[in-house]
Amino acid sequence: MITDNKIQQAFAKYNLELDDEQVKKEVAALLANHLEENNTIAVKKFLLNSVELTTLKTTDSEDSVMRFVEKVNQFDDVYPELGHVATVCVYPCFASICHDTLENDEVEIACVAACFPSSQSFIEVKIAETALALKDGATEIDIVQSVGKFLAGDYETVADEIAELKEVCGDRKLKVILETGCLKIASNIKKASILAMYAGADYIKTSTGKLEPAATPEAAYVMCQAIKEYYEETGIQIGFKPAGGMKTVEDALKYYTIVKEVLGEAWLTNTMLRLGTSSLANKLLSDIQGETIQFF
């Protein structure tokens, strides 16, 4: 069990009192100074390889998910020079379909689990769903922190749930979604980031994409600062995943620029930086190829 005393000791190591207006100014300055230099084909190819190609629709079916995964298989043949997306991301009940259909062993199978997107259920249910997804072939798990408990100040329960789910995952990666739009202020985002990392997150992720606002550059900046400080304190490198609200290539370039400037080159790999999106892959591909393409 992660006791409240241990949590408070962890919090005490970091500056959690952030000024939201100052964060906005720092992000604006960072992007004004560095965004355009990253607007290159090479960066767009990297971002395409960092995409977690996602289908999380109420209308998903075994047939639709199979077709979705087949597109990833076909991409290797049609665009062999462009590599591949990092991950396919689906609901847990489709893990076995992905496992049976996916031909590229380098593409991960991520499942949103633990009662995504609300995380409003019993820990026993969350554990069972996570374990079943892993049994059926998931190689990564995305969960949502218990946002209501976090906002109520019940940090011990939030941390314990993350730790228990990480134990279920073992050596497979656990991404913890903070749902930053619900956290509202930079101080809460920083605190939730630190809490998730100390509890065992392998990645911290902005949003489910089911609520607005989803990912924002300001939230990303605060989370990356937290990752940097955590790395300096512990030597543990945590990945970052913005998700939701990425509608344009420029949006993706903004997150790349923030990661590059705050965290540095060690995070510019498709194991450390992921983009959770269902529409951006086609836009990146179109920019790279210089024509409108609707492949995925």
C-alpha atoms as a PDB file:
ATOM      1  CA  MET A   1       0.000   0.000   0.000  1.00  0.00           C
ATOM      2  CA  ILE A   2       1.191   3.510  -0.828  1.00  0.00           C
ATOM      3  CA  THR A   3       0.508   5.461   2.349  1.00  0.00           C
ATOM      4  CA  ASP A   4      -0.544   9.080   2.442  1.00  0.00           C
ATOM      5  CA  ASN A   5       2.684   9.842   4.295  1.00  0.00           C
ATOM      6  CA  LYS A   6       4.761   8.472   1.402  1.00  0.00           C
ATOM      7  CA  ILE A   7       2.685  10.458  -1.068  1.00  0.00           C
ATOM      8  CA  GLN A   8       3.193  13.691   0.837  1.00  0.00           C
ATOM      9  CA  GLN A   9       6.941  12.987   1.019  1.00  0.00           C
ATOM     10  CA  ALA A  10       6.970  12.566  -2.764  1.00  0.00           C
ATOM     11  CA  PHE A  11       4.979  15.764  -3.318  1.00  0.00           C
ATOM     12  CA  ALA A  12       7.384  17.684  -1.078  1.00  0.00           C
ATOM     13  CA  LYS A  13      10.218  17.074  -3.546  1.00  0.00           C
ATOM     14  CA  TYR A  14       8.526  19.078  -6.305  1.00  0.00           C
ATOM     15  CA  ASN A  15       7.161  22.554  -6.877  1.00  0.00           C
ATOM     16  CA  LEU A  16       3.416  21.982  -7.156  1.00  0.00           C
ATOM     17  CA  GLU A  17       2.357  25.612  -6.882  1.00  0.00           C
ATOM     18  CA  LEU A  18       2.143  26.698 -10.521  1.00  0.00           C
ATOM     19  CA  ASP A  19       0.732  29.879 -12.024  1.00  0.00           C
ATOM     20  CA  ASP A  20      -1.522  29.137 -14.985  1.00  0.00           C
ATOM     21  CA  GLU A  21      -0.903  32.465 -16.707  1.00  0.00           C
ATOM     22  CA  GLN A  22       2.844  31.968 -16.417  1.00  0.00           C
ATOM     23  CA  VAL A  23       2.524  28.491 -17.926  1.00  0.00           C
ATOM     24  CA  LYS A  24       0.599  29.948 -20.888  1.00  0.00           C
ATOM     25  CA  LYS A  25       3.303  32.580 -21.443  1.00  0.00           C
ATOM     26  CA  GLU A  26       6.106  30.018 -21.304  1.00  0.00           C
ATOM     27  CA  VAL A  27       4.330  27.706 -23.758  1.00  0.00           C
ATOM     28  CA  ALA A  28       3.594  30.571 -26.150  1.00  0.00           C
ATOM     29  CA  ALA A  29       7.240  31.667 -26.081  1.00  0.00           C
ATOM     30  CA  LEU A  30       8.534  28.117 -26.559  1.00  0.00           C
ATOM     31  CA  LEU A  31       6.311  27.541 -29.592  1.00  0.00           C
ATOM     32  CA  ALA A  32       7.043  30.962 -31.076  1.00  0.00           C
ATOM     33  CA  ASN A  33      10.776  30.278 -30.877  1.00  0.00           C
ATOM     34  CA  HIS A  34      10.918  26.627 -31.951  1.00  0.00           C
ATOM     35  CA  LEU A  35       7.762  25.368 -33.683  1.00  0.00           C
ATOM     36  CA  GLU A  36       8.679  26.329 -37.233  1.00  0.00           C
ATOM     37  CA  GLU A  37      12.095  24.640 -37.128  1.00  0.00           C
ATOM     38  CA  ASN A  38      10.338  21.308 -36.556  1.00  0.00           C
ATOM     39  CA  ASN A  39       7.992  21.678 -39.520  1.00  0.00           C
ATOM     40  CA  THR A  40       9.924  19.184 -41.637  1.00  0.00           C
ATOM     41  CA  ILE A  41       9.185  15.959 -43.480  1.00  0.00           C
ATOM     42  CA  ALA A  42      11.603  14.081 -41.208  1.00  0.00           C
ATOM     43  CA  VAL A  43       9.701  15.152 -38.092  1.00  0.00           C
ATOM     44  CA  LYS A  44       6.369  14.279 -39.702  1.00  0.00           C
ATOM     45  CA  LYS A  45       7.664  10.793 -40.545  1.00  0.00           C
ATOM     46  CA  PHE A  46       8.741  10.388 -36.933  1.00  0.00           C
ATOM     47  CA  LEU A  47       5.325  11.523 -35.718  1.00  0.00           C
ATOM     48  CA  LEU A  48       3.612   9.058 -38.052  1.00  0.00           C
ATOM     49  CA  ASN A  49       5.710   6.306 -36.476  1.00  0.00           C
ATOM     50  CA  SER A  50       4.626   7.528 -33.013  1.00  0.00           C
ATOM     51  CA  VAL A  51       0.891   7.375 -33.720  1.00  0.00           C
ATOM     52  CA  GLU A  52      -1.272   5.080 -31.624  1.00  0.00           C
ATOM     53  CA  LEU A  53      -3.890   4.368 -34.263  1.00  0.00           C
ATOM     54  CA  THR A  54      -7.095   4.295 -32.272  1.00  0.00           C
ATOM     55  CA  THR A  55     -10.644   3.060 -32.668  1.00  0.00           C
ATOM     56  CA  LEU A  56     -12.810   3.496 -29.592  1.00  0.00           C
ATOM     57  CA  LYS A  57     -16.292   3.760 -31.050  1.00  0.00           C
ATOM     58  CA  THR A  58     -19.572   2.489 -29.667  1.00  0.00           C
ATOM     59  CA  THR A  59     -20.111   0.947 -33.113  1.00  0.00           C
ATOM     60  CA  ASP A  60     -16.835  -1.033 -33.172  1.00  0.00           C
ATOM     61  CA  SER A  61     -17.308  -4.702 -34.013  1.00  0.00           C
ATOM     62  CA  GLU A  62     -15.061  -7.671 -34.631  1.00  0.00           C
ATOM     63  CA  ASP A  63     -15.332  -7.062 -38.389  1.00  0.00           C
ATOM     64  CA  SER A  64     -14.605  -3.333 -38.178  1.00  0.00           C
ATOM     65  CA  VAL A  65     -11.617  -3.860 -35.872  1.00  0.00           C
ATOM     66  CA  MET A  66     -10.272  -6.583 -38.153  1.00  0.00           C
ATOM     67  CA  ARG A  67     -10.471  -4.198 -41.127  1.00  0.00           C
ATOM     68  CA  PHE A  68      -8.824  -1.494 -38.998  1.00  0.00           C
ATOM     69  CA  VAL A  69      -5.880  -3.779 -38.209  1.00  0.00           C
ATOM     70  CA  GLU A  70      -5.642  -5.018 -41.797  1.00  0.00           C
ATOM     71  CA  LYS A  71      -4.961  -1.421 -42.831  1.00  0.00           C
ATOM     72  CA  VAL A  72      -1.889  -1.467 -40.598  1.00  0.00           C
ATOM     73  CA  ASN A  73      -0.770  -4.718 -42.260  1.00  0.00           C
ATOM     74  CA  GLN A  74      -1.306  -3.240 -45.736  1.00  0.00           C
ATOM     75  CA  PHE A  75       0.619  -0.074 -44.866  1.00  0.00           C
ATOM     76  CA  ASP A  76       3.859  -2.059 -44.681  1.00  0.00           C
ATOM     77  CA  ASP A  77       3.376  -3.170 -48.300  1.00  0.00           C
ATOM     78  CA  VAL A  78       2.151   0.137 -49.742  1.00  0.00           C
ATOM     79  CA  TYR A  79       4.597   2.456 -47.929  1.00  0.00           C
ATOM     80  CA  PRO A  80       7.575   0.271 -46.904  1.00  0.00           C
ATOM     81  CA  GLU A  81       9.855   3.319 -46.717  1.00  0.00           C
ATOM     82  CA  LEU A  82       7.702   5.012 -44.048  1.00  0.00           C
ATOM     83  CA  GLY A  83       7.921   2.422 -41.284  1.00  0.00           C
ATOM     84  CA  HIS A  84       4.720   1.864 -39.312  1.00  0.00           C
ATOM     85  CA  VAL A  85       2.526   3.290 -36.595  1.00  0.00           C
ATOM     86  CA  ALA A  86       3.587   2.549 -33.023  1.00  0.00           C
ATOM     87  CA  THR A  87       0.412   0.961 -31.759  1.00  0.00           C
ATOM     88  CA  VAL A  88      -3.171  -0.018 -32.437  1.00  0.00           C
ATOM     89  CA  CYS A  89      -5.447   0.966 -29.568  1.00  0.00           C
ATOM     90  CA  VAL A  90      -8.823  -0.729 -28.992  1.00  0.00           C
ATOM     91  CA  TYR A  91     -11.284  -1.790 -26.324  1.00  0.00           C
ATOM     92  CA  PRO A  92     -10.278  -4.913 -24.330  1.00  0.00           C
ATOM     93  CA  CYS A  93     -12.861  -7.171 -25.980  1.00  0.00           C
ATOM     94  CA  PHE A  94     -11.001  -6.710 -29.279  1.00  0.00           C
ATOM     95  CA  ALA A  95      -7.520  -7.617 -28.029  1.00  0.00           C
ATOM     96  CA  SER A  96      -7.749 -11.151 -29.404  1.00  0.00           C
ATOM     97  CA  ILE A  97      -8.875  -9.906 -32.837  1.00  0.00           C
ATOM     98  CA  CYS A  98      -5.869  -7.579 -32.961  1.00  0.00           C
ATOM     99  CA  HIS A  99      -3.538 -10.324 -31.775  1.00  0.00           C
ATOM    100  CA  ASP A 100      -4.805 -12.746 -34.421  1.00  0.00           C
ATOM    101  CA  THR A 101      -4.870 -10.201 -37.268  1.00  0.00           C
ATOM    102  CA  LEU A 102      -1.809  -8.005 -36.739  1.00  0.00           C
ATOM    103  CA  GLU A 103       1.187  -9.173 -38.770  1.00  0.00           C
ATOM    104  CA  ASN A 104       3.837  -6.660 -37.686  1.00  0.00           C
ATOM    105  CA  ASP A 105       5.421  -7.747 -34.397  1.00  0.00           C
ATOM    106  CA  GLU A 106       6.846  -4.247 -33.902  1.00  0.00           C
ATOM    107  CA  VAL A 107       3.368  -2.693 -33.628  1.00  0.00           C
ATOM    108  CA  GLU A 108       2.048  -2.819 -30.059  1.00  0.00           C
ATOM    109  CA  ILE A 109      -1.520  -3.706 -29.099  1.00  0.00           C
ATOM    110  CA  ALA A 110      -2.843  -1.230 -26.538  1.00  0.00           C
ATOM    111  CA  CYS A 111      -6.158  -1.675 -24.766  1.00  0.00           C
ATOM    112  CA  VAL A 112      -8.026   0.931 -22.790  1.00  0.00           C
ATOM    113  CA  ALA A 113      -9.005  -0.943 -19.638  1.00  0.00           C
ATOM    114  CA  ALA A 114     -10.030  -0.533 -15.996  1.00  0.00           C
ATOM    115  CA  CYS A 115     -13.461   0.857 -16.885  1.00  0.00           C
ATOM    116  CA  PHE A 116     -12.358   3.434 -19.431  1.00  0.00           C
ATOM    117  CA  PRO A 117     -13.242   6.281 -19.832  1.00  0.00           C
ATOM    118  CA  SER A 118     -14.760   7.111 -16.429  1.00  0.00           C
ATOM    119  CA  SER A 119     -12.797   4.717 -14.179  1.00  0.00           C
ATOM    120  CA  GLN A 120     -15.932   4.596 -12.038  1.00  0.00           C
ATOM    121  CA  SER A 121     -16.099   1.022 -10.806  1.00  0.00           C
ATOM    122  CA  PHE A 122     -14.702  -1.406  -8.267  1.00  0.00           C
ATOM    123  CA  ILE A 123     -10.961  -2.072  -8.275  1.00  0.00           C
ATOM    124  CA  GLU A 124     -11.753  -5.788  -8.612  1.00  0.00           C
ATOM    125  CA  VAL A 125     -13.569  -5.091 -11.887  1.00  0.00           C
ATOM    126  CA  LYS A 126     -10.702  -2.921 -13.124  1.00  0.00           C
ATOM    127  CA  ILE A 127      -8.179  -5.641 -12.329  1.00  0.00           C
ATOM    128  CA  ALA A 128     -10.260  -8.321 -14.018  1.00  0.00           C
ATOM    129  CA  GLU A 129     -10.726  -6.298 -17.216  1.00  0.00           C
ATOM    130  CA  THR A 130      -7.030  -5.453 -17.360  1.00  0.00           C
ATOM    131  CA  ALA A 131      -6.009  -9.070 -16.804  1.00  0.00           C
ATOM    132  CA  LEU A 132      -8.389 -10.319 -19.500  1.00  0.00           C
ATOM    133  CA  ALA A 133      -7.061  -7.788 -22.024  1.00  0.00           C
ATOM    134  CA  LEU A 134      -3.506  -8.920 -21.338  1.00  0.00           C
ATOM    135  CA  LYS A 135      -4.475 -12.583 -21.585  1.00  0.00           C
ATOM    136  CA  ASP A 136      -6.057 -11.943 -24.982  1.00  0.00           C
ATOM    137  CA  GLY A 137      -2.948 -10.294 -26.409  1.00  0.00           C
ATOM    138  CA  ALA A 138      -2.703  -6.691 -25.246  1.00  0.00           C
ATOM    139  CA  THR A 139       0.916  -5.599 -24.900  1.00  0.00           C
ATOM    140  CA  GLU A 140       0.105  -2.215 -23.347  1.00  0.00           C
ATOM    141  CA  ILE A 141      -2.708  -0.982 -21.109  1.00  0.00           C
ATOM    142  CA  ASP A 142      -4.192   2.517 -20.888  1.00  0.00           C
ATOM    143  CA  ILE A 143      -6.160   3.337 -17.738  1.00  0.00           C
ATOM    144  CA  VAL A 144      -7.773   6.488 -16.349  1.00  0.00           C
ATOM    145  CA  GLN A 145      -6.835   7.625 -12.879  1.00  0.00           C
ATOM    146  CA  SER A 146      -9.814   7.853 -10.531  1.00  0.00           C
ATOM    147  CA  VAL A 147     -10.372  11.534 -11.232  1.00  0.00           C
ATOM    148  CA  GLY A 148     -13.161  12.007  -8.710  1.00  0.00           C
ATOM    149  CA  LYS A 149     -11.037  10.553  -5.935  1.00  0.00           C
ATOM    150  CA  PHE A 150      -8.080  12.705  -6.993  1.00  0.00           C
ATOM    151  CA  LEU A 151     -10.148  15.898  -6.909  1.00  0.00           C
ATOM    152  CA  ALA A 152     -11.499  14.877  -3.495  1.00  0.00           C
ATOM    153  CA  GLY A 153      -7.924  14.602  -2.206  1.00  0.00           C
ATOM    154  CA  ASP A 154      -7.990  10.813  -1.796  1.00  0.00           C
ATOM    155  CA  TYR A 155      -4.508  10.436  -3.254  1.00  0.00           C
ATOM    156  CA  GLU A 156      -3.855   7.196  -1.387  1.00  0.00           C
ATOM    157  CA  THR A 157      -6.662   5.345  -3.179  1.00  0.00           C
ATOM    158  CA  VAL A 158      -5.681   6.796  -6.555  1.00  0.00           C
ATOM    159  CA  ALA A 159      -2.079   5.682  -6.090  1.00  0.00           C
ATOM    160  CA  ASP A 160      -3.045   2.252  -4.764  1.00  0.00           C
ATOM    161  CA  GLU A 161      -5.272   1.567  -7.765  1.00  0.00           C
ATOM    162  CA  ILE A 162      -2.506   2.513 -10.201  1.00  0.00           C
ATOM    163  CA  ALA A 163      -0.001   0.367  -8.299  1.00  0.00           C
ATOM    164  CA  GLU A 164      -2.350  -2.635  -8.276  1.00  0.00           C
ATOM    165  CA  LEU A 165      -2.991  -2.337 -12.010  1.00  0.00           C
ATOM    166  CA  LYS A 166       0.723  -1.993 -12.719  1.00  0.00           C
ATOM    167  CA  GLU A 167       1.268  -5.194 -10.766  1.00  0.00           C
ATOM    168  CA  VAL A 168      -1.233  -6.914 -13.055  1.00  0.00           C
ATOM    169  CA  CYS A 169       0.626  -5.562 -16.101  1.00  0.00           C
ATOM    170  CA  GLY A 170       4.008  -6.785 -14.923  1.00  0.00           C
ATOM    171  CA  ASP A 171       6.609  -5.930 -17.562  1.00  0.00           C
ATOM    172  CA  ARG A 172       3.977  -4.717 -20.009  1.00  0.00           C
ATOM    173  CA  LYS A 173       3.551  -0.963 -20.211  1.00  0.00           C
ATOM    174  CA  LEU A 174       0.914   0.914 -18.228  1.00  0.00           C
ATOM    175  CA  LYS A 175      -0.243   4.346 -19.405  1.00  0.00           C
ATOM    176  CA  VAL A 176      -2.123   6.442 -16.881  1.00  0.00           C
ATOM    177  CA  ILE A 177      -4.581   8.984 -18.277  1.00  0.00           C
ATOM    178  CA  LEU A 178      -4.874  12.061 -16.081  1.00  0.00           C
ATOM    179  CA  GLU A 179      -7.908  13.565 -17.879  1.00  0.00           C
ATOM    180  CA  THR A 180      -6.310  16.985 -17.666  1.00  0.00           C
ATOM    181  CA  GLY A 181      -9.435  18.816 -18.817  1.00  0.00           C
ATOM    182  CA  CYS A 182     -11.110  17.797 -15.546  1.00  0.00           C
ATOM    183  CA  LEU A 183      -8.106  18.789 -13.459  1.00  0.00           C
ATOM    184  CA  LYS A 184      -8.490  22.392 -14.693  1.00  0.00           C
ATOM    185  CA  ILE A 185      -5.336  23.974 -13.265  1.00  0.00           C
ATOM    186  CA  ALA A 186      -1.620  23.431 -13.773  1.00  0.00           C
ATOM    187  CA  SER A 187      -0.994  22.631 -10.110  1.00  0.00           C
ATOM    188  CA  ASN A 188      -3.446  19.720 -10.240  1.00  0.00           C
ATOM    189  CA  ILE A 189      -1.910  18.434 -13.476  1.00  0.00           C
ATOM    190  CA  LYS A 190       1.577  18.533 -11.970  1.00  0.00           C
ATOM    191  CA  LYS A 191       0.402  16.797  -8.794  1.00  0.00           C
ATOM    192  CA  ALA A 192      -1.461  14.078 -10.738  1.00  0.00           C
ATOM    193  CA  SER A 193       1.606  13.515 -12.915  1.00  0.00           C
ATOM    194  CA  ILE A 194       3.882  13.022  -9.921  1.00  0.00           C
ATOM    195  CA  LEU A 195       1.349  10.767  -8.202  1.00  0.00           C
ATOM    196  CA  ALA A 196       0.918   8.532 -11.263  1.00  0.00           C
ATOM    197  CA  MET A 197       4.651   8.168 -11.827  1.00  0.00           C
ATOM    198  CA  TYR A 198       5.405   7.305  -8.205  1.00  0.00           C
ATOM    199  CA  ALA A 199       2.572   4.754  -8.291  1.00  0.00           C
ATOM    200  CA  GLY A 200       4.085   2.913 -11.245  1.00  0.00           C
ATOM    201  CA  ALA A 201       2.982   4.520 -14.530  1.00  0.00           C
ATOM    202  CA  ASP A 202       5.251   3.801 -17.494  1.00  0.00           C
ATOM    203  CA  TYR A 203       3.619   6.653 -19.419  1.00  0.00           C
ATOM    204  CA  ILE A 204       1.432   9.552 -18.430  1.00  0.00           C
ATOM    205  CA  LYS A 205      -1.260  10.529 -20.910  1.00  0.00           C
ATOM    206  CA  THR A 206      -3.302  13.709 -21.128  1.00  0.00           C
ATOM    207  CA  SER A 207      -6.815  12.620 -21.939  1.00  0.00           C
ATOM    208  CA  THR A 208      -9.339  10.002 -22.950  1.00  0.00           C
ATOM    209  CA  GLY A 209     -10.482  12.084 -25.912  1.00  0.00           C
ATOM    210  CA  LYS A 210     -14.033  11.633 -24.636  1.00  0.00           C
ATOM    211  CA  LEU A 211     -14.212  14.961 -22.775  1.00  0.00           C
ATOM    212  CA  GLU A 212     -13.386  18.547 -23.652  1.00  0.00           C
ATOM    213  CA  PRO A 213     -10.919  20.069 -23.331  1.00  0.00           C
ATOM    214  CA  ALA A 214      -8.697  17.108 -24.167  1.00  0.00           C
ATOM    215  CA  ALA A 215      -4.956  17.541 -24.755  1.00  0.00           C
ATOM    216  CA  THR A 216      -3.658  21.109 -24.656  1.00  0.00           C
ATOM    217  CA  PRO A 217      -0.112  22.422 -25.114  1.00  0.00           C
ATOM    218  CA  GLU A 218      -0.231  23.871 -21.598  1.00  0.00           C
ATOM    219  CA  ALA A 219      -1.140  20.525 -20.031  1.00  0.00           C
ATOM    220  CA  ALA A 220       1.556  18.820 -22.091  1.00  0.00           C
ATOM    221  CA  TYR A 221       4.141  21.362 -20.959  1.00  0.00           C
ATOM    222  CA  VAL A 222       3.317  20.823 -17.272  1.00  0.00           C
ATOM    223  CA  MET A 223       3.368  17.040 -17.673  1.00  0.00           C
ATOM    224  CA  CYS A 224       6.700  17.107 -19.488  1.00  0.00           C
ATOM    225  CA  GLN A 225       8.186  19.325 -16.784  1.00  0.00           C
ATOM    226  CA  ALA A 226       6.979  16.770 -14.224  1.00  0.00           C
ATOM    227  CA  ILE A 227       8.526  13.909 -16.220  1.00  0.00           C
ATOM    228  CA  LYS A 228      11.816  15.810 -16.416  1.00  0.00           C
ATOM    229  CA  GLU A 229      11.914  16.545 -12.701  1.00  0.00           C
ATOM    230  CA  TYR A 230      10.929  12.968 -11.849  1.00  0.00           C
ATOM    231  CA  TYR A 231      13.734  11.670 -14.059  1.00  0.00           C
ATOM    232  CA  GLU A 232      16.230  14.000 -12.371  1.00  0.00           C
ATOM    233  CA  GLU A 233      15.026  12.796  -8.958  1.00  0.00           C
ATOM    234  CA  THR A 234      14.793   9.041  -9.657  1.00  0.00           C
ATOM    235  CA  GLY A 235      16.650   8.260 -12.890  1.00  0.00           C
ATOM    236  CA  ILE A 236      13.482   6.624 -14.258  1.00  0.00           C
ATOM    237  CA  GLN A 237      12.444   7.659 -17.775  1.00  0.00           C
ATOM    238  CA  ILE A 238       8.665   7.944 -18.170  1.00  0.00           C
ATOM    239  CA  GLY A 239       6.940   8.196 -21.547  1.00  0.00           C
ATOM    240  CA  PHE A 240       4.444  10.858 -22.598  1.00  0.00           C
ATOM    241  CA  LYS A 241       1.254  10.521 -24.628  1.00  0.00           C
ATOM    242  CA  PRO A 242      -0.927  13.445 -25.675  1.00  0.00           C
ATOM    243  CA  ALA A 243      -4.349  12.255 -26.809  1.00  0.00           C
ATOM    244  CA  GLY A 244      -7.588  13.878 -27.885  1.00  0.00           C
ATOM    245  CA  GLY A 245      -8.004  17.192 -29.651  1.00  0.00           C
ATOM    246  CA  MET A 246      -5.181  16.716 -32.152  1.00  0.00           C
ATOM    247  CA  LYS A 247      -6.953  17.784 -35.308  1.00  0.00           C
ATOM    248  CA  THR A 248      -4.087  19.096 -37.450  1.00  0.00           C
ATOM    249  CA  VAL A 249      -0.478  18.317 -38.268  1.00  0.00           C
ATOM    250  CA  GLU A 250       0.439  21.602 -36.589  1.00  0.00           C
ATOM    251  CA  ASP A 251      -1.135  20.326 -33.362  1.00  0.00           C
ATOM    252  CA  ALA A 252       1.151  17.283 -33.466  1.00  0.00           C
ATOM    253  CA  LEU A 253       4.155  19.480 -34.195  1.00  0.00           C
ATOM    254  CA  LYS A 254       3.363  21.554 -31.116  1.00  0.00           C
ATOM    255  CA  TYR A 255       3.543  18.492 -28.875  1.00  0.00           C
ATOM    256  CA  TYR A 256       6.733  17.329 -30.566  1.00  0.00           C
ATOM    257  CA  THR A 257       8.266  20.770 -29.991  1.00  0.00           C
ATOM    258  CA  ILE A 258       7.312  20.788 -26.307  1.00  0.00           C
ATOM    259  CA  VAL A 259       8.776  17.319 -25.764  1.00  0.00           C
ATOM    260  CA  LYS A 260      11.956  18.207 -27.637  1.00  0.00           C
ATOM    261  CA  GLU A 261      12.542  21.459 -25.765  1.00  0.00           C
ATOM    262  CA  VAL A 262      11.529  20.299 -22.273  1.00  0.00           C
ATOM    263  CA  LEU A 263      12.666  16.667 -22.258  1.00  0.00           C
ATOM    264  CA  GLY A 264      15.266  16.482 -25.006  1.00  0.00           C
ATOM    265  CA  GLU A 265      16.437  13.965 -27.588  1.00  0.00           C
ATOM    266  CA  ALA A 266      16.130  10.928 -25.296  1.00  0.00           C
ATOM    267  CA  TRP A 267      12.357  11.265 -25.501  1.00  0.00           C
ATOM    268  CA  LEU A 268      12.245  11.602 -29.300  1.00  0.00           C
ATOM    269  CA  THR A 269      11.634   7.912 -29.943  1.00  0.00           C
ATOM    270  CA  ASN A 270       8.343   6.181 -30.626  1.00  0.00           C
ATOM    271  CA  THR A 271       8.694   4.285 -27.371  1.00  0.00           C
ATOM    272  CA  MET A 272       8.885   7.478 -25.292  1.00  0.00           C
ATOM    273  CA  LEU A 273       6.511   9.735 -27.262  1.00  0.00           C
ATOM    274  CA  ARG A 274       3.145   8.475 -28.460  1.00  0.00           C
ATOM    275  CA  LEU A 275       0.263  10.317 -30.111  1.00  0.00           C
ATOM    276  CA  GLY A 276      -3.225   9.034 -29.358  1.00  0.00           C
ATOM    277  CA  THR A 277      -5.379   9.776 -32.386  1.00  0.00           C
ATOM    278  CA  SER A 278      -7.750   8.280 -34.916  1.00  0.00           C
ATOM    279  CA  SER A 279      -7.531  10.921 -37.648  1.00  0.00           C
ATOM    280  CA  LEU A 280      -4.026  12.358 -37.601  1.00  0.00           C
ATOM    281  CA  ALA A 281      -2.301   9.460 -39.389  1.00  0.00           C
ATOM    282  CA  ASN A 282      -3.937  10.305 -42.718  1.00  0.00           C
ATOM    283  CA  LYS A 283      -3.063  13.994 -42.337  1.00  0.00           C
ATOM    284  CA  LEU A 284       0.584  13.261 -41.548  1.00  0.00           C
ATOM    285  CA  LEU A 285       0.736  10.813 -44.454  1.00  0.00           C
ATOM    286  CA  SER A 286      -0.788  13.410 -46.789  1.00  0.00           C
ATOM    287  CA  ASP A 287       1.754  16.041 -45.745  1.00  0.00           C
ATOM    288  CA  ILE A 288       4.641  13.606 -46.187  1.00  0.00           C
ATOM    289  CA  GLN A 289       3.471  12.474 -49.621  1.00  0.00           C
ATOM    290  CA  GLY A 290       2.350  15.902 -50.812  1.00  0.00           C
ATOM    291  CA  GLU A 291      -1.204  14.825 -51.728  1.00  0.00           C
ATOM    292  CA  THR A 292      -4.461  14.114 -49.952  1.00  0.00           C
ATOM    293  CA  ILE A 293      -4.488  10.472 -48.838  1.00  0.00           C
ATOM    294  CA  GLN A 294      -7.201   8.637 -46.924  1.00  0.00           C
ATOM    295  CA  PHE A 295      -5.407   5.355 -46.226  1.00  0.00           C
ATOM    296  CA  PHE A 296      -6.462   4.529 -42.667  1.00  0.00           C
END
